[in-house]
Amino acid sequence: AAFRRLQREGLFRYDVVQAGGKVLSKTFVRRTLIGEPGITYKYLGLRIFAHPWSGEGAPKVCAAVCALNEQLKQRTQALLDAAPHRAGSCAF
């Protein structure tokens, strides 16, 4: 439900890239980045800024994604704690 709401609220966007330094073109997929305020992601020479999931001005749907992330982190931590040879982290 949260991802459908992200889509309805227009938070998924096409990116515009200049492949090979030639013509500007829209990507085939739409994507979004949600996370800590100010966090960025870079790919294909593009710097994408996250929609904040906390703090002033954060969309409510992004706060819902943050809550889902916290639940996934807790479940993953429980699995890591139960593993005989613990390796890895889930603090994302």
PDB file of N, CA and C in Angstrom:
ATOM      1  N   ALA A   1       0.818  -1.193   0.000  1.00  0.00           N
ATOM      2  CA  ALA A   1       0.000   0.000   0.000  1.00  0.00           C
ATOM      3  C   ALA A   1       0.867   1.264   0.000  1.00  0.00           C
ATOM      4  N   ALA A   2       1.981   1.224   0.737  1.00  0.00           N
ATOM      5  CA  ALA A   2       2.843   2.406   0.805  1.00  0.00           C
ATOM      6  C   ALA A   2       3.444   2.724  -0.561  1.00  0.00           C
ATOM      7  N   PHE A   3       3.834   1.695  -1.298  1.00  0.00           N
ATOM      8  CA  PHE A   3       4.434   1.946  -2.605  1.00  0.00           C
ATOM      9  C   PHE A   3       3.411   2.470  -3.608  1.00  0.00           C
ATOM     10  N   ARG A   4       2.183   1.995  -3.519  1.00  0.00           N
ATOM     11  CA  ARG A   4       1.133   2.544  -4.389  1.00  0.00           C
ATOM     12  C   ARG A   4       0.895   4.013  -4.068  1.00  0.00           C
ATOM     13  N   ARG A   5       0.925   4.336  -2.790  1.00  0.00           N
ATOM     14  CA  ARG A   5       0.726   5.729  -2.384  1.00  0.00           C
ATOM     15  C   ARG A   5       1.888   6.611  -2.864  1.00  0.00           C
ATOM     16  N   LEU A   6       3.104   6.099  -2.794  1.00  0.00           N
ATOM     17  CA  LEU A   6       4.247   6.833  -3.337  1.00  0.00           C
ATOM     18  C   LEU A   6       4.026   7.143  -4.808  1.00  0.00           C
ATOM     19  N   GLN A   7       3.509   6.158  -5.522  1.00  0.00           N
ATOM     20  CA  GLN A   7       3.248   6.339  -6.950  1.00  0.00           C
ATOM     21  C   GLN A   7       2.146   7.368  -7.172  1.00  0.00           C
ATOM     22  N   ARG A   8       1.048   7.255  -6.417  1.00  0.00           N
ATOM     23  CA  ARG A   8      -0.059   8.207  -6.568  1.00  0.00           C
ATOM     24  C   ARG A   8       0.376   9.635  -6.273  1.00  0.00           C
ATOM     25  N   GLU A   9       1.282   9.805  -5.303  1.00  0.00           N
ATOM     26  CA  GLU A   9       1.724  11.142  -4.925  1.00  0.00           C
ATOM     27  C   GLU A   9       2.859  11.668  -5.796  1.00  0.00           C
ATOM     28  N   GLY A  10       3.222  10.907  -6.835  1.00  0.00           N
ATOM     29  CA  GLY A  10       4.205  11.378  -7.806  1.00  0.00           C
ATOM     30  C   GLY A  10       5.647  11.378  -7.337  1.00  0.00           C
ATOM     31  N   LEU A  11       5.992  10.493  -6.391  1.00  0.00           N
ATOM     32  CA  LEU A  11       7.356  10.475  -5.885  1.00  0.00           C
ATOM     33  C   LEU A  11       8.294   9.605  -6.718  1.00  0.00           C
ATOM     34  N   PHE A  12       7.756   8.806  -7.624  1.00  0.00           N
ATOM     35  CA  PHE A  12       8.590   8.069  -8.573  1.00  0.00           C
ATOM     36  C   PHE A  12       8.750   8.950  -9.804  1.00  0.00           C
ATOM     37  N   ARG A  13       9.981   9.080 -10.274  1.00  0.00           N
ATOM     38  CA  ARG A  13      10.258   9.965 -11.412  1.00  0.00           C
ATOM     39  C   ARG A  13      11.164   9.269 -12.416  1.00  0.00           C
ATOM     40  N   TYR A  14      11.012   9.671 -13.668  1.00  0.00           N
ATOM     41  CA  TYR A  14      11.971   9.259 -14.688  1.00  0.00           C
ATOM     42  C   TYR A  14      13.203  10.135 -14.522  1.00  0.00           C
ATOM     43  N   ASP A  15      14.359   9.587 -14.797  1.00  0.00           N
ATOM     44  CA  ASP A  15      15.582  10.369 -14.804  1.00  0.00           C
ATOM     45  C   ASP A  15      15.928  10.707 -16.244  1.00  0.00           C
ATOM     46  N   VAL A  16      16.662  11.764 -16.432  1.00  0.00           N
ATOM     47  CA  VAL A  16      17.147  12.136 -17.757  1.00  0.00           C
ATOM     48  C   VAL A  16      18.651  11.939 -17.753  1.00  0.00           C
ATOM     49  N   VAL A  17      19.131  11.143 -18.707  1.00  0.00           N
ATOM     50  CA  VAL A  17      20.555  10.842 -18.787  1.00  0.00           C
ATOM     51  C   VAL A  17      21.090  11.248 -20.159  1.00  0.00           C
ATOM     52  N   GLN A  18      22.395  11.396 -20.207  1.00  0.00           N
ATOM     53  CA  GLN A  18      23.059  11.715 -21.457  1.00  0.00           C
ATOM     54  C   GLN A  18      24.076  10.603 -21.712  1.00  0.00           C
ATOM     55  N   ALA A  19      23.576   9.499 -22.236  1.00  0.00           N
ATOM     56  CA  ALA A  19      24.409   8.314 -22.446  1.00  0.00           C
ATOM     57  C   ALA A  19      25.472   8.583 -23.504  1.00  0.00           C
ATOM     58  N   GLY A  20      26.706   8.293 -23.153  1.00  0.00           N
ATOM     59  CA  GLY A  20      27.800   8.488 -24.092  1.00  0.00           C
ATOM     60  C   GLY A  20      28.058   9.940 -24.430  1.00  0.00           C
ATOM     61  N   GLY A  21      27.523  10.854 -23.637  1.00  0.00           N
ATOM     62  CA  GLY A  21      27.735  12.281 -23.891  1.00  0.00           C
ATOM     63  C   GLY A  21      27.006  12.792 -25.108  1.00  0.00           C
ATOM     64  N   LYS A  22      25.959  12.098 -25.516  1.00  0.00           N
ATOM     65  CA  LYS A  22      25.259  12.493 -26.739  1.00  0.00           C
ATOM     66  C   LYS A  22      23.895  13.098 -26.414  1.00  0.00           C
ATOM     67  N   VAL A  23      22.854  12.441 -26.804  1.00  0.00           N
ATOM     68  CA  VAL A  23      21.503  12.962 -26.697  1.00  0.00           C
ATOM     69  C   VAL A  23      20.931  12.736 -25.298  1.00  0.00           C
ATOM     70  N   LEU A  24      20.213  13.731 -24.786  1.00  0.00           N
ATOM     71  CA  LEU A  24      19.506  13.565 -23.519  1.00  0.00           C
ATOM     72  C   LEU A  24      18.308  12.654 -23.743  1.00  0.00           C
ATOM     73  N   SER A  25      18.127  11.695 -22.851  1.00  0.00           N
ATOM     74  CA  SER A  25      16.969  10.812 -22.985  1.00  0.00           C
ATOM     75  C   SER A  25      16.464  10.402 -21.615  1.00  0.00           C
ATOM     76  N   LYS A  26      15.182  10.094 -21.575  1.00  0.00           N
ATOM     77  CA  LYS A  26      14.516   9.668 -20.348  1.00  0.00           C
ATOM     78  C   LYS A  26      14.803   8.181 -20.119  1.00  0.00           C
ATOM     79  N   THR A  27      15.021   7.790 -18.867  1.00  0.00           N
ATOM     80  CA  THR A  27      15.243   6.379 -18.560  1.00  0.00           C
ATOM     81  C   THR A  27      13.954   5.588 -18.772  1.00  0.00           C
ATOM     82  N   PHE A  28      14.095   4.276 -18.882  1.00  0.00           N
ATOM     83  CA  PHE A  28      12.939   3.413 -19.099  1.00  0.00           C
ATOM     84  C   PHE A  28      12.146   3.168 -17.819  1.00  0.00           C
ATOM     85  N   VAL A  29      12.786   3.322 -16.691  1.00  0.00           N
ATOM     86  CA  VAL A  29      12.124   3.054 -15.413  1.00  0.00           C
ATOM     87  C   VAL A  29      12.029   4.330 -14.584  1.00  0.00           C
ATOM     88  N   ARG A  30      11.044   4.332 -13.709  1.00  0.00           N
ATOM     89  CA  ARG A  30      10.914   5.426 -12.749  1.00  0.00           C
ATOM     90  C   ARG A  30      11.454   4.934 -11.421  1.00  0.00           C
ATOM     91  N   ARG A  31      12.065   5.828 -10.678  1.00  0.00           N
ATOM     92  CA  ARG A  31      12.632   5.433  -9.386  1.00  0.00           C
ATOM     93  C   ARG A  31      12.456   6.563  -8.390  1.00  0.00           C
ATOM     94  N   THR A  32      12.680   6.218  -7.139  1.00  0.00           N
ATOM     95  CA  THR A  32      12.632   7.207  -6.075  1.00  0.00           C
ATOM     96  C   THR A  32      13.685   6.837  -5.038  1.00  0.00           C
ATOM     97  N   LEU A  33      14.079   7.805  -4.259  1.00  0.00           N
ATOM     98  CA  LEU A  33      15.005   7.578  -3.155  1.00  0.00           C
ATOM     99  C   LEU A  33      14.369   8.212  -1.931  1.00  0.00           C
ATOM    100  N   ILE A  34      14.235   7.423  -0.892  1.00  0.00           N
ATOM    101  CA  ILE A  34      13.632   7.880   0.363  1.00  0.00           C
ATOM    102  C   ILE A  34      14.603   7.536   1.470  1.00  0.00           C
ATOM    103  N   GLY A  35      14.863   8.488   2.362  1.00  0.00           N
ATOM    104  CA  GLY A  35      15.791   8.190   3.444  1.00  0.00           C
ATOM    105  C   GLY A  35      16.034   9.385   4.344  1.00  0.00           C
ATOM    106  N   GLU A  36      17.171   9.347   5.005  1.00  0.00           N
ATOM    107  CA  GLU A  36      17.531  10.428   5.913  1.00  0.00           C
ATOM    108  C   GLU A  36      17.606  11.740   5.139  1.00  0.00           C
ATOM    109  N   PRO A  37      17.140  12.827   5.728  1.00  0.00           N
ATOM    110  CA  PRO A  37      17.202  14.114   5.035  1.00  0.00           C
ATOM    111  C   PRO A  37      18.630  14.433   4.581  1.00  0.00           C
ATOM    112  N   GLY A  38      18.763  14.824   3.325  1.00  0.00           N
ATOM    113  CA  GLY A  38      20.062  15.198   2.777  1.00  0.00           C
ATOM    114  C   GLY A  38      20.853  14.081   2.143  1.00  0.00           C
ATOM    115  N   ILE A  39      20.400  12.824   2.308  1.00  0.00           N
ATOM    116  CA  ILE A  39      21.143  11.709   1.720  1.00  0.00           C
ATOM    117  C   ILE A  39      21.009  11.746   0.201  1.00  0.00           C
ATOM    118  N   THR A  40      22.063  11.338  -0.492  1.00  0.00           N
ATOM    119  CA  THR A  40      22.043  11.318  -1.952  1.00  0.00           C
ATOM    120  C   THR A  40      22.507   9.967  -2.467  1.00  0.00           C
ATOM    121  N   TYR A  41      22.240   9.734  -3.725  1.00  0.00           N
ATOM    122  CA  TYR A  41      22.658   8.526  -4.427  1.00  0.00           C
ATOM    123  C   TYR A  41      23.146   8.976  -5.792  1.00  0.00           C
ATOM    124  N   LYS A  42      24.229   8.406  -6.261  1.00  0.00           N
ATOM    125  CA  LYS A  42      24.760   8.803  -7.556  1.00  0.00           C
ATOM    126  C   LYS A  42      24.879   7.590  -8.465  1.00  0.00           C
ATOM    127  N   TYR A  43      24.368   7.726  -9.670  1.00  0.00           N
ATOM    128  CA  TYR A  43      24.526   6.693 -10.694  1.00  0.00           C
ATOM    129  C   TYR A  43      24.425   7.363 -12.051  1.00  0.00           C
ATOM    130  N   LEU A  44      25.134   6.801 -13.013  1.00  0.00           N
ATOM    131  CA  LEU A  44      25.176   7.352 -14.375  1.00  0.00           C
ATOM    132  C   LEU A  44      25.478   8.853 -14.375  1.00  0.00           C
ATOM    133  N   GLY A  45      26.262   9.295 -13.424  1.00  0.00           N
ATOM    134  CA  GLY A  45      26.612  10.709 -13.353  1.00  0.00           C
ATOM    135  C   GLY A  45      25.529  11.594 -12.766  1.00  0.00           C
ATOM    136  N   LEU A  46      24.422  11.004 -12.337  1.00  0.00           N
ATOM    137  CA  LEU A  46      23.325  11.786 -11.745  1.00  0.00           C
ATOM    138  C   LEU A  46      23.422  11.732 -10.231  1.00  0.00           C
ATOM    139  N   ARG A  47      23.168  12.829  -9.579  1.00  0.00           N
ATOM    140  CA  ARG A  47      23.079  12.853  -8.120  1.00  0.00           C
ATOM    141  C   ARG A  47      21.600  13.024  -7.797  1.00  0.00           C
ATOM    142  N   ILE A  48      21.038  12.041  -7.080  1.00  0.00           N
ATOM    143  CA  ILE A  48      19.628  12.068  -6.720  1.00  0.00           C
ATOM    144  C   ILE A  48      19.529  12.343  -5.225  1.00  0.00           C
ATOM    145  N   PHE A  49      18.684  13.268  -4.847  1.00  0.00           N
ATOM    146  CA  PHE A  49      18.459  13.582  -3.440  1.00  0.00           C
ATOM    147  C   PHE A  49      17.237  12.825  -2.945  1.00  0.00           C
ATOM    148  N   ALA A  50      17.331  12.345  -1.723  1.00  0.00           N
ATOM    149  CA  ALA A  50      16.242  11.568  -1.140  1.00  0.00           C
ATOM    150  C   ALA A  50      15.074  12.457  -0.754  1.00  0.00           C
ATOM    151  N   HIS A  51      13.889  11.886  -0.858  1.00  0.00           N
ATOM    152  CA  HIS A  51      12.720  12.475  -0.212  1.00  0.00           C
ATOM    153  C   HIS A  51      12.901  12.131   1.260  1.00  0.00           C
ATOM    154  N   PRO A  52      12.871  13.101   2.152  1.00  0.00           N
ATOM    155  CA  PRO A  52      13.130  12.791   3.565  1.00  0.00           C
ATOM    156  C   PRO A  52      12.008  11.972   4.183  1.00  0.00           C
ATOM    157  N   TRP A  53      12.380  11.014   5.019  1.00  0.00           N
ATOM    158  CA  TRP A  53      11.366  10.212   5.697  1.00  0.00           C
ATOM    159  C   TRP A  53      11.176  10.637   7.132  1.00  0.00           C
ATOM    160  N   SER A  54      11.840  11.688   7.533  1.00  0.00           N
ATOM    161  CA  SER A  54      11.638  12.223   8.877  1.00  0.00           C
ATOM    162  C   SER A  54      11.917  13.722   8.851  1.00  0.00           C
ATOM    163  N   GLY A  55      11.483  14.379   9.901  1.00  0.00           N
ATOM    164  CA  GLY A  55      11.745  15.804  10.027  1.00  0.00           C
ATOM    165  C   GLY A  55      10.661  16.670   9.411  1.00  0.00           C
ATOM    166  N   GLU A  56      10.883  17.957   9.508  1.00  0.00           N
ATOM    167  CA  GLU A  56       9.914  18.938   9.018  1.00  0.00           C
ATOM    168  C   GLU A  56       9.771  18.842   7.500  1.00  0.00           C
ATOM    169  N   GLY A  57       8.546  18.810   7.052  1.00  0.00           N
ATOM    170  CA  GLY A  57       8.270  18.760   5.625  1.00  0.00           C
ATOM    171  C   GLY A  57       8.316  17.375   5.007  1.00  0.00           C
ATOM    172  N   ALA A  58       8.593  16.354   5.794  1.00  0.00           N
ATOM    173  CA  ALA A  58       8.635  14.992   5.249  1.00  0.00           C
ATOM    174  C   ALA A  58       7.222  14.527   4.918  1.00  0.00           C
ATOM    175  N   PRO A  59       7.004  14.026   3.702  1.00  0.00           N
ATOM    176  CA  PRO A  59       5.676  13.504   3.358  1.00  0.00           C
ATOM    177  C   PRO A  59       5.297  12.336   4.281  1.00  0.00           C
ATOM    178  N   LYS A  60       4.037  12.269   4.648  1.00  0.00           N
ATOM    179  CA  LYS A  60       3.581  11.195   5.545  1.00  0.00           C
ATOM    180  C   LYS A  60       3.841   9.815   4.971  1.00  0.00           C
ATOM    181  N   VAL A  61       3.718   9.676   3.666  1.00  0.00           N
ATOM    182  CA  VAL A  61       3.957   8.362   3.059  1.00  0.00           C
ATOM    183  C   VAL A  61       5.423   7.956   3.227  1.00  0.00           C
ATOM    184  N   CYS A  62       6.334   8.924   3.228  1.00  0.00           N
ATOM    185  CA  CYS A  62       7.750   8.603   3.430  1.00  0.00           C
ATOM    186  C   CYS A  62       7.997   8.141   4.860  1.00  0.00           C
ATOM    187  N   ALA A  63       7.274   8.712   5.820  1.00  0.00           N
ATOM    188  CA  ALA A  63       7.377   8.265   7.207  1.00  0.00           C
ATOM    189  C   ALA A  63       6.888   6.820   7.321  1.00  0.00           C
ATOM    190  N   ALA A  64       5.883   6.453   6.532  1.00  0.00           N
ATOM    191  CA  ALA A  64       5.390   5.069   6.533  1.00  0.00           C
ATOM    192  C   ALA A  64       6.456   4.124   5.992  1.00  0.00           C
ATOM    193  N   VAL A  65       7.190   4.546   4.972  1.00  0.00           N
ATOM    194  CA  VAL A  65       8.273   3.722   4.436  1.00  0.00           C
ATOM    195  C   VAL A  65       9.380   3.585   5.482  1.00  0.00           C
ATOM    196  N   CYS A  66       9.645   4.631   6.236  1.00  0.00           N
ATOM    197  CA  CYS A  66      10.626   4.580   7.316  1.00  0.00           C
ATOM    198  C   CYS A  66      10.211   3.536   8.359  1.00  0.00           C
ATOM    199  N   ALA A  67       8.937   3.527   8.720  1.00  0.00           N
ATOM    200  CA  ALA A  67       8.433   2.551   9.693  1.00  0.00           C
ATOM    201  C   ALA A  67       8.583   1.129   9.152  1.00  0.00           C
ATOM    202  N   LEU A  68       8.304   0.925   7.863  1.00  0.00           N
ATOM    203  CA  LEU A  68       8.503  -0.394   7.251  1.00  0.00           C
ATOM    204  C   LEU A  68       9.973  -0.791   7.293  1.00  0.00           C
ATOM    205  N   ASN A  69      10.852   0.151   7.029  1.00  0.00           N
ATOM    206  CA  ASN A  69      12.287  -0.119   7.084  1.00  0.00           C
ATOM    207  C   ASN A  69      12.708  -0.539   8.487  1.00  0.00           C
ATOM    208  N   GLU A  70      12.182   0.123   9.502  1.00  0.00           N
ATOM    209  CA  GLU A  70      12.519  -0.236  10.883  1.00  0.00           C
ATOM    210  C   GLU A  70      12.067  -1.658  11.207  1.00  0.00           C
ATOM    211  N   GLN A  71      10.885  -2.038  10.735  1.00  0.00           N
ATOM    212  CA  GLN A  71      10.402  -3.404  10.957  1.00  0.00           C
ATOM    213  C   GLN A  71      11.306  -4.423  10.270  1.00  0.00           C
ATOM    214  N   LEU A  72      11.725  -4.128   9.049  1.00  0.00           N
ATOM    215  CA  LEU A  72      12.620  -5.041   8.334  1.00  0.00           C
ATOM    216  C   LEU A  72      13.963  -5.155   9.036  1.00  0.00           C
ATOM    217  N   LYS A  73      14.477  -4.055   9.555  1.00  0.00           N
ATOM    218  CA  LYS A  73      15.743  -4.091  10.286  1.00  0.00           C
ATOM    219  C   LYS A  73      15.624  -4.963  11.536  1.00  0.00           C
ATOM    220  N   GLN A  74      14.506  -4.843  12.254  1.00  0.00           N
ATOM    221  CA  GLN A  74      14.311  -5.655  13.459  1.00  0.00           C
ATOM    222  C   GLN A  74      14.228  -7.140  13.125  1.00  0.00           C
ATOM    223  N   ARG A  75      13.485  -7.477  12.079  1.00  0.00           N
ATOM    224  CA  ARG A  75      13.355  -8.882  11.682  1.00  0.00           C
ATOM    225  C   ARG A  75      14.694  -9.448  11.227  1.00  0.00           C
ATOM    226  N   THR A  76      15.445  -8.641  10.475  1.00  0.00           N
ATOM    227  CA  THR A  76      16.751  -9.083  10.007  1.00  0.00           C
ATOM    228  C   THR A  76      17.708  -9.261  11.176  1.00  0.00           C
ATOM    229  N   GLN A  77      17.674  -8.346  12.136  1.00  0.00           N
ATOM    230  CA  GLN A  77      18.543  -8.453  13.308  1.00  0.00           C
ATOM    231  C   GLN A  77      18.237  -9.725  14.088  1.00  0.00           C
ATOM    232  N   ALA A  78      16.970 -10.063  14.227  1.00  0.00           N
ATOM    233  CA  ALA A  78      16.593 -11.290  14.922  1.00  0.00           C
ATOM    234  C   ALA A  78      17.146 -12.515  14.196  1.00  0.00           C
ATOM    235  N   LEU A  79      17.090 -12.525  12.879  1.00  0.00           N
ATOM    236  CA  LEU A  79      17.644 -13.640  12.109  1.00  0.00           C
ATOM    237  C   LEU A  79      19.158 -13.705  12.249  1.00  0.00           C
ATOM    238  N   LEU A  80      19.813 -12.549  12.223  1.00  0.00           N
ATOM    239  CA  LEU A  80      21.270 -12.531  12.402  1.00  0.00           C
ATOM    240  C   LEU A  80      21.655 -13.032  13.790  1.00  0.00           C
ATOM    241  N   ASP A  81      20.906 -12.619  14.809  1.00  0.00           N
ATOM    242  CA  ASP A  81      21.201 -13.048  16.179  1.00  0.00           C
ATOM    243  C   ASP A  81      21.030 -14.556  16.350  1.00  0.00           C
ATOM    244  N   ALA A  82      20.100 -15.149  15.600  1.00  0.00           N
ATOM    245  CA  ALA A  82      19.830 -16.582  15.717  1.00  0.00           C
ATOM    246  C   ALA A  82      20.786 -17.435  14.882  1.00  0.00           C
ATOM    247  N   ALA A  83      21.537 -16.806  13.975  1.00  0.00           N
ATOM    248  CA  ALA A  83      22.445 -17.548  13.101  1.00  0.00           C
ATOM    249  C   ALA A  83      23.651 -18.049  13.890  1.00  0.00           C
ATOM    250  N   PRO A  84      24.096 -19.290  13.612  1.00  0.00           N
ATOM    251  CA  PRO A  84      25.235 -19.834  14.349  1.00  0.00           C
ATOM    252  C   PRO A  84      26.540 -19.076  14.070  1.00  0.00           C
ATOM    253  N   HIS A  85      26.727 -18.635  12.864  1.00  0.00           N
ATOM    254  CA  HIS A  85      27.934 -17.885  12.497  1.00  0.00           C
ATOM    255  C   HIS A  85      27.491 -16.512  11.991  1.00  0.00           C
ATOM    256  N   ARG A  86      27.258 -15.635  12.914  1.00  0.00           N
ATOM    257  CA  ARG A  86      26.723 -14.318  12.583  1.00  0.00           C
ATOM    258  C   ARG A  86      27.707 -13.547  11.704  1.00  0.00           C
ATOM    259  N   ALA A  87      27.201 -13.065  10.606  1.00  0.00           N
ATOM    260  CA  ALA A  87      27.974 -12.212   9.700  1.00  0.00           C
ATOM    261  C   ALA A  87      27.016 -11.234   9.073  1.00  0.00           C
ATOM    262  N   GLY A  88      27.423 -10.016   8.973  1.00  0.00           N
ATOM    263  CA  GLY A  88      26.602  -9.032   8.285  1.00  0.00           C
ATOM    264  C   GLY A  88      26.011  -8.014   9.218  1.00  0.00           C
ATOM    265  N   SER A  89      25.268  -7.121   8.623  1.00  0.00           N
ATOM    266  CA  SER A  89      24.656  -6.030   9.349  1.00  0.00           C
ATOM    267  C   SER A  89      23.298  -5.725   8.724  1.00  0.00           C
ATOM    268  N   CYS A  90      22.466  -5.074   9.480  1.00  0.00           N
ATOM    269  CA  CYS A  90      21.156  -4.715   8.941  1.00  0.00           C
ATOM    270  C   CYS A  90      20.825  -3.262   9.245  1.00  0.00           C
ATOM    271  N   ALA A  91      21.806  -2.463   9.572  1.00  0.00           N
ATOM    272  CA  ALA A  91      21.583  -1.060   9.954  1.00  0.00           C
ATOM    273  C   ALA A  91      21.550  -0.171   8.714  1.00  0.00           C
ATOM    274  N   PHE A  92      20.501  -0.307   7.914  1.00  0.00           N
ATOM    275  CA  PHE A  92      20.361   0.503   6.712  1.00  0.00           C
ATOM    276  C   PHE A  92      19.119   1.332   6.786  1.00  0.00           C
TER     277      PHE A  92
END
